[in-house]
PDB file of all heavy atoms in Angstrom:
ATOM      1  N   ALA A   1       0.842  -1.198   0.000  1.00  0.00           N
ATOM      2  CA  ALA A   1       0.000   0.000   0.000  1.00  0.00           C
ATOM      3  C   ALA A   1       0.874   1.243   0.000  1.00  0.00           C
ATOM      4  O   ALA A   1       1.909   1.284   0.669  1.00  0.00           O
ATOM      5  CB  ALA A   1      -0.930   0.003   1.212  1.00  0.00           C
ATOM      6  N   SER A   2       0.462   2.247  -0.747  1.00  0.00           N
ATOM      7  CA  SER A   2       1.139   3.537  -0.750  1.00  0.00           C
ATOM      8  C   SER A   2       0.170   4.598  -0.260  1.00  0.00           C
ATOM      9  O   SER A   2      -0.974   4.677  -0.725  1.00  0.00           O
ATOM     10  CB  SER A   2       1.641   3.885  -2.158  1.00  0.00           C
ATOM     11  OG  SER A   2       2.258   5.152  -2.162  1.00  0.00           O
ATOM     12  N   GLY A   3       0.643   5.413   0.682  1.00  0.00           N
ATOM     13  CA  GLY A   3      -0.193   6.466   1.249  1.00  0.00           C
ATOM     14  C   GLY A   3       0.446   7.026   2.492  1.00  0.00           C
ATOM     15  O   GLY A   3       1.653   6.900   2.713  1.00  0.00           O
ATOM     16  N   ASP A   4      -0.365   7.659   3.309  1.00  0.00           N
ATOM     17  CA  ASP A   4       0.105   8.202   4.582  1.00  0.00           C
ATOM     18  C   ASP A   4       0.396   7.050   5.547  1.00  0.00           C
ATOM     19  O   ASP A   4      -0.480   6.233   5.815  1.00  0.00           O
ATOM     20  CB  ASP A   4      -0.965   9.138   5.155  1.00  0.00           C
ATOM     21  CG  ASP A   4      -0.493   9.860   6.397  1.00  0.00           C
ATOM     22  OD1 ASP A   4      -0.424   9.205   7.457  1.00  0.00           O
ATOM     23  OD2 ASP A   4      -0.181  11.061   6.311  1.00  0.00           O
ATOM     24  N   ILE A   5       1.618   6.976   6.060  1.00  0.00           N
ATOM     25  CA  ILE A   5       2.045   5.831   6.870  1.00  0.00           C
ATOM     26  C   ILE A   5       1.181   5.658   8.119  1.00  0.00           C
ATOM     27  O   ILE A   5       0.809   4.532   8.480  1.00  0.00           O
ATOM     28  CB  ILE A   5       3.531   5.966   7.271  1.00  0.00           C
ATOM     29  CG1 ILE A   5       4.422   5.912   6.034  1.00  0.00           C
ATOM     30  CG2 ILE A   5       3.918   4.865   8.260  1.00  0.00           C
ATOM     31  CD1 ILE A   5       4.371   4.612   5.275  1.00  0.00           C
ATOM     32  N   ASP A   6       0.845   6.754   8.788  1.00  0.00           N
ATOM     33  CA  ASP A   6       0.032   6.644  10.002  1.00  0.00           C
ATOM     34  C   ASP A   6      -1.335   6.042   9.704  1.00  0.00           C
ATOM     35  O   ASP A   6      -1.830   5.183  10.446  1.00  0.00           O
ATOM     36  CB  ASP A   6      -0.140   8.022  10.655  1.00  0.00           C
ATOM     37  CG  ASP A   6       1.160   8.545  11.254  1.00  0.00           C
ATOM     38  OD1 ASP A   6       2.045   7.713  11.544  1.00  0.00           O
ATOM     39  OD2 ASP A   6       1.286   9.773  11.416  1.00  0.00           O
ATOM     40  N   ILE A   7      -1.925   6.483   8.592  1.00  0.00           N
ATOM     41  CA  ILE A   7      -3.244   5.958   8.216  1.00  0.00           C
ATOM     42  C   ILE A   7      -3.143   4.494   7.805  1.00  0.00           C
ATOM     43  O   ILE A   7      -3.968   3.660   8.197  1.00  0.00           O
ATOM     44  CB  ILE A   7      -3.857   6.807   7.084  1.00  0.00           C
ATOM     45  CG1 ILE A   7      -4.132   8.220   7.579  1.00  0.00           C
ATOM     46  CG2 ILE A   7      -5.135   6.161   6.557  1.00  0.00           C
ATOM     47  CD1 ILE A   7      -4.614   9.180   6.515  1.00  0.00           C
ATOM     48  N   LEU A   8      -2.115   4.168   7.026  1.00  0.00           N
ATOM     49  CA  LEU A   8      -1.937   2.788   6.587  1.00  0.00           C
ATOM     50  C   LEU A   8      -1.728   1.861   7.782  1.00  0.00           C
ATOM     51  O   LEU A   8      -2.262   0.750   7.821  1.00  0.00           O
ATOM     52  CB  LEU A   8      -0.746   2.676   5.628  1.00  0.00           C
ATOM     53  CG  LEU A   8      -0.874   3.385   4.279  1.00  0.00           C
ATOM     54  CD1 LEU A   8       0.398   3.202   3.462  1.00  0.00           C
ATOM     55  CD2 LEU A   8      -2.085   2.871   3.508  1.00  0.00           C
ATOM     56  N   THR A   9      -0.952   2.310   8.759  1.00  0.00           N
ATOM     57  CA  THR A   9      -0.697   1.502   9.949  1.00  0.00           C
ATOM     58  C   THR A   9      -1.990   1.250  10.716  1.00  0.00           C
ATOM     59  O   THR A   9      -2.274   0.126  11.146  1.00  0.00           O
ATOM     60  CB  THR A   9       0.327   2.200  10.860  1.00  0.00           C
ATOM     61  OG1 THR A   9       1.546   2.400  10.133  1.00  0.00           O
ATOM     62  CG2 THR A   9       0.603   1.359  12.093  1.00  0.00           C
ATOM     63  N   GLU A  10      -2.782   2.298  10.848  1.00  0.00           N
ATOM     64  CA  GLU A  10      -4.056   2.167  11.554  1.00  0.00           C
ATOM     65  C   GLU A  10      -5.000   1.215  10.818  1.00  0.00           C
ATOM     66  O   GLU A  10      -5.682   0.392  11.440  1.00  0.00           O
ATOM     67  CB  GLU A  10      -4.714   3.544  11.686  1.00  0.00           C
ATOM     68  CG  GLU A  10      -6.092   3.518  12.328  1.00  0.00           C
ATOM     69  CD  GLU A  10      -6.790   4.873  12.236  1.00  0.00           C
ATOM     70  OE1 GLU A  10      -6.134   5.871  11.898  1.00  0.00           O
ATOM     71  OE2 GLU A  10      -8.004   4.908  12.496  1.00  0.00           O
ATOM     72  N   GLN A  11      -5.033   1.317   9.504  1.00  0.00           N
ATOM     73  CA  GLN A  11      -5.980   0.553   8.711  1.00  0.00           C
ATOM     74  C   GLN A  11      -5.557  -0.906   8.481  1.00  0.00           C
ATOM     75  O   GLN A  11      -6.396  -1.800   8.411  1.00  0.00           O
ATOM     76  CB  GLN A  11      -6.181   1.234   7.344  1.00  0.00           C
ATOM     77  CG  GLN A  11      -6.977   2.524   7.386  1.00  0.00           C
ATOM     78  CD  GLN A  11      -8.463   2.279   7.495  1.00  0.00           C
ATOM     79  OE1 GLN A  11      -9.007   1.382   6.857  1.00  0.00           O
ATOM     80  NE2 GLN A  11      -9.144   3.082   8.313  1.00  0.00           N
ATOM     81  N   LEU A  12      -4.237  -1.147   8.349  1.00  0.00           N
ATOM     82  CA  LEU A  12      -3.797  -2.447   7.840  1.00  0.00           C
ATOM     83  C   LEU A  12      -2.951  -3.277   8.802  1.00  0.00           C
ATOM     84  O   LEU A  12      -2.562  -4.394   8.458  1.00  0.00           O
ATOM     85  CB  LEU A  12      -2.999  -2.245   6.538  1.00  0.00           C
ATOM     86  CG  LEU A  12      -3.773  -1.625   5.373  1.00  0.00           C
ATOM     87  CD1 LEU A  12      -2.855  -1.427   4.172  1.00  0.00           C
ATOM     88  CD2 LEU A  12      -4.970  -2.494   4.985  1.00  0.00           C
ATOM     89  N   SER A  13      -2.660  -2.784   9.977  1.00  0.00           N
ATOM     90  CA  SER A  13      -1.797  -3.534  10.895  1.00  0.00           C
ATOM     91  C   SER A  13      -2.395  -4.878  11.295  1.00  0.00           C
ATOM     92  O   SER A  13      -1.664  -5.779  11.732  1.00  0.00           O
ATOM     93  CB  SER A  13      -1.499  -2.696  12.147  1.00  0.00           C
ATOM     94  OG  SER A  13      -2.698  -2.318  12.795  1.00  0.00           O
ATOM     95  N   ALA A  14      -3.690  -5.048  11.114  1.00  0.00           N
ATOM     96  CA  ALA A  14      -4.320  -6.329  11.432  1.00  0.00           C
ATOM     97  C   ALA A  14      -3.838  -7.449  10.505  1.00  0.00           C
ATOM     98  O   ALA A  14      -3.979  -8.630  10.824  1.00  0.00           O
ATOM     99  CB  ALA A  14      -5.843  -6.206  11.329  1.00  0.00           C
ATOM    100  N   PHE A  15      -3.247  -7.075   9.357  1.00  0.00           N
ATOM    101  CA  PHE A  15      -2.797  -8.073   8.393  1.00  0.00           C
ATOM    102  C   PHE A  15      -1.325  -8.453   8.572  1.00  0.00           C
ATOM    103  O   PHE A  15      -0.778  -9.221   7.783  1.00  0.00           O
ATOM    104  CB  PHE A  15      -3.029  -7.563   6.968  1.00  0.00           C
ATOM    105  CG  PHE A  15      -4.473  -7.275   6.664  1.00  0.00           C
ATOM    106  CD1 PHE A  15      -4.962  -5.976   6.699  1.00  0.00           C
ATOM    107  CD2 PHE A  15      -5.353  -8.308   6.381  1.00  0.00           C
ATOM    108  CE1 PHE A  15      -6.294  -5.702   6.439  1.00  0.00           C
ATOM    109  CE2 PHE A  15      -6.690  -8.054   6.121  1.00  0.00           C
ATOM    110  CZ  PHE A  15      -7.162  -6.748   6.148  1.00  0.00           C
ATOM    111  N   GLY A  16      -0.661  -7.895   9.566  1.00  0.00           N
ATOM    112  CA  GLY A  16       0.728  -8.252   9.825  1.00  0.00           C
ATOM    113  C   GLY A  16       1.539  -7.060  10.260  1.00  0.00           C
ATOM    114  O   GLY A  16       1.040  -5.931  10.353  1.00  0.00           O
ATOM    115  N   SER A  17       2.806  -7.312  10.536  1.00  0.00           N
ATOM    116  CA  SER A  17       3.722  -6.230  10.913  1.00  0.00           C
ATOM    117  C   SER A  17       4.289  -5.620   9.634  1.00  0.00           C
ATOM    118  O   SER A  17       5.009  -6.300   8.890  1.00  0.00           O
ATOM    119  CB  SER A  17       4.858  -6.781  11.781  1.00  0.00           C
ATOM    120  OG  SER A  17       4.348  -7.340  12.973  1.00  0.00           O
ATOM    121  N   PRO A  18       4.004  -4.355   9.374  1.00  0.00           N
ATOM    122  CA  PRO A  18       4.434  -3.766   8.099  1.00  0.00           C
ATOM    123  C   PRO A  18       5.911  -3.383   8.111  1.00  0.00           C
ATOM    124  O   PRO A  18       6.498  -3.115   9.165  1.00  0.00           O
ATOM    125  CB  PRO A  18       3.574  -2.507   8.001  1.00  0.00           C
ATOM    126  CG  PRO A  18       3.297  -2.126   9.418  1.00  0.00           C
ATOM    127  CD  PRO A  18       3.212  -3.403  10.195  1.00  0.00           C
ATOM    128  N   HIS A  19       6.522  -3.404   6.937  1.00  0.00           N
ATOM    129  CA  HIS A  19       7.827  -2.775   6.802  1.00  0.00           C
ATOM    130  C   HIS A  19       7.723  -1.715   5.709  1.00  0.00           C
ATOM    131  O   HIS A  19       6.901  -1.808   4.804  1.00  0.00           O
ATOM    132  CB  HIS A  19       8.925  -3.815   6.510  1.00  0.00           C
ATOM    133  CG  HIS A  19       8.940  -4.333   5.111  1.00  0.00           C
ATOM    134  ND1 HIS A  19       8.268  -5.473   4.731  1.00  0.00           N
ATOM    135  CD2 HIS A  19       9.580  -3.874   3.992  1.00  0.00           C
ATOM    136  CE1 HIS A  19       8.482  -5.718   3.451  1.00  0.00           C
ATOM    137  NE2 HIS A  19       9.265  -4.758   2.971  1.00  0.00           N
ATOM    138  N   ILE A  20       8.551  -0.680   5.852  1.00  0.00           N
ATOM    139  CA  ILE A  20       8.519   0.450   4.928  1.00  0.00           C
ATOM    140  C   ILE A  20       9.519   0.168   3.799  1.00  0.00           C
ATOM    141  O   ILE A  20      10.690  -0.076   4.051  1.00  0.00           O
ATOM    142  CB  ILE A  20       8.880   1.767   5.636  1.00  0.00           C
ATOM    143  CG1 ILE A  20       8.031   1.936   6.899  1.00  0.00           C
ATOM    144  CG2 ILE A  20       8.674   2.947   4.687  1.00  0.00           C
ATOM    145  CD1 ILE A  20       6.543   1.938   6.677  1.00  0.00           C
ATOM    146  N   PHE A  21       9.020   0.211   2.583  1.00  0.00           N
ATOM    147  CA  PHE A  21       9.880  -0.079   1.440  1.00  0.00           C
ATOM    148  C   PHE A  21      10.752   1.130   1.107  1.00  0.00           C
ATOM    149  O   PHE A  21      10.254   2.251   1.026  1.00  0.00           O
ATOM    150  CB  PHE A  21       9.042  -0.432   0.210  1.00  0.00           C
ATOM    151  CG  PHE A  21       9.858  -0.693  -1.025  1.00  0.00           C
ATOM    152  CD1 PHE A  21      10.486  -1.915  -1.205  1.00  0.00           C
ATOM    153  CD2 PHE A  21      10.009   0.294  -1.996  1.00  0.00           C
ATOM    154  CE1 PHE A  21      11.248  -2.161  -2.337  1.00  0.00           C
ATOM    155  CE2 PHE A  21      10.776   0.059  -3.129  1.00  0.00           C
ATOM    156  CZ  PHE A  21      11.396  -1.175  -3.300  1.00  0.00           C
ATOM    157  N   THR A  22      12.017   0.887   0.906  1.00  0.00           N
ATOM    158  CA  THR A  22      12.937   1.908   0.425  1.00  0.00           C
ATOM    159  C   THR A  22      13.718   1.339  -0.747  1.00  0.00           C
ATOM    160  O   THR A  22      14.179   0.186  -0.694  1.00  0.00           O
ATOM    161  CB  THR A  22      13.917   2.367   1.523  1.00  0.00           C
ATOM    162  OG1 THR A  22      14.568   1.221   2.084  1.00  0.00           O
ATOM    163  CG2 THR A  22      13.187   3.118   2.617  1.00  0.00           C
ATOM    164  N   GLU A  23      13.863   2.132  -1.781  1.00  0.00           N
ATOM    165  CA  GLU A  23      14.592   1.697  -2.976  1.00  0.00           C
ATOM    166  C   GLU A  23      16.056   1.540  -2.645  1.00  0.00           C
ATOM    167  O   GLU A  23      16.684   2.450  -2.083  1.00  0.00           O
ATOM    168  CB  GLU A  23      14.410   2.719  -4.099  1.00  0.00           C
ATOM    169  CG  GLU A  23      14.759   2.197  -5.479  1.00  0.00           C
ATOM    170  CD  GLU A  23      13.686   1.262  -6.037  1.00  0.00           C
ATOM    171  OE1 GLU A  23      12.605   1.729  -6.408  1.00  0.00           O
ATOM    172  OE2 GLU A  23      13.974   0.050  -6.074  1.00  0.00           O
ATOM    173  N   ILE A  24      16.630   0.394  -2.980  1.00  0.00           N
ATOM    174  CA  ILE A  24      18.029   0.128  -2.670  1.00  0.00           C
ATOM    175  C   ILE A  24      18.873   0.388  -3.905  1.00  0.00           C
ATOM    176  O   ILE A  24      18.588  -0.121  -4.989  1.00  0.00           O
ATOM    177  CB  ILE A  24      18.220  -1.326  -2.197  1.00  0.00           C
ATOM    178  CG1 ILE A  24      17.402  -1.577  -0.924  1.00  0.00           C
ATOM    179  CG2 ILE A  24      19.689  -1.645  -1.973  1.00  0.00           C
ATOM    180  CD1 ILE A  24      17.434  -2.999  -0.432  1.00  0.00           C
TER     181      ILE A  24
END
């Protein structure tokens, strides 16, 4: 998911522990 991290965490944390993608 792409969007505001705080909102995404609130909405989707029930599906697992998220990690933030950074281009390597």
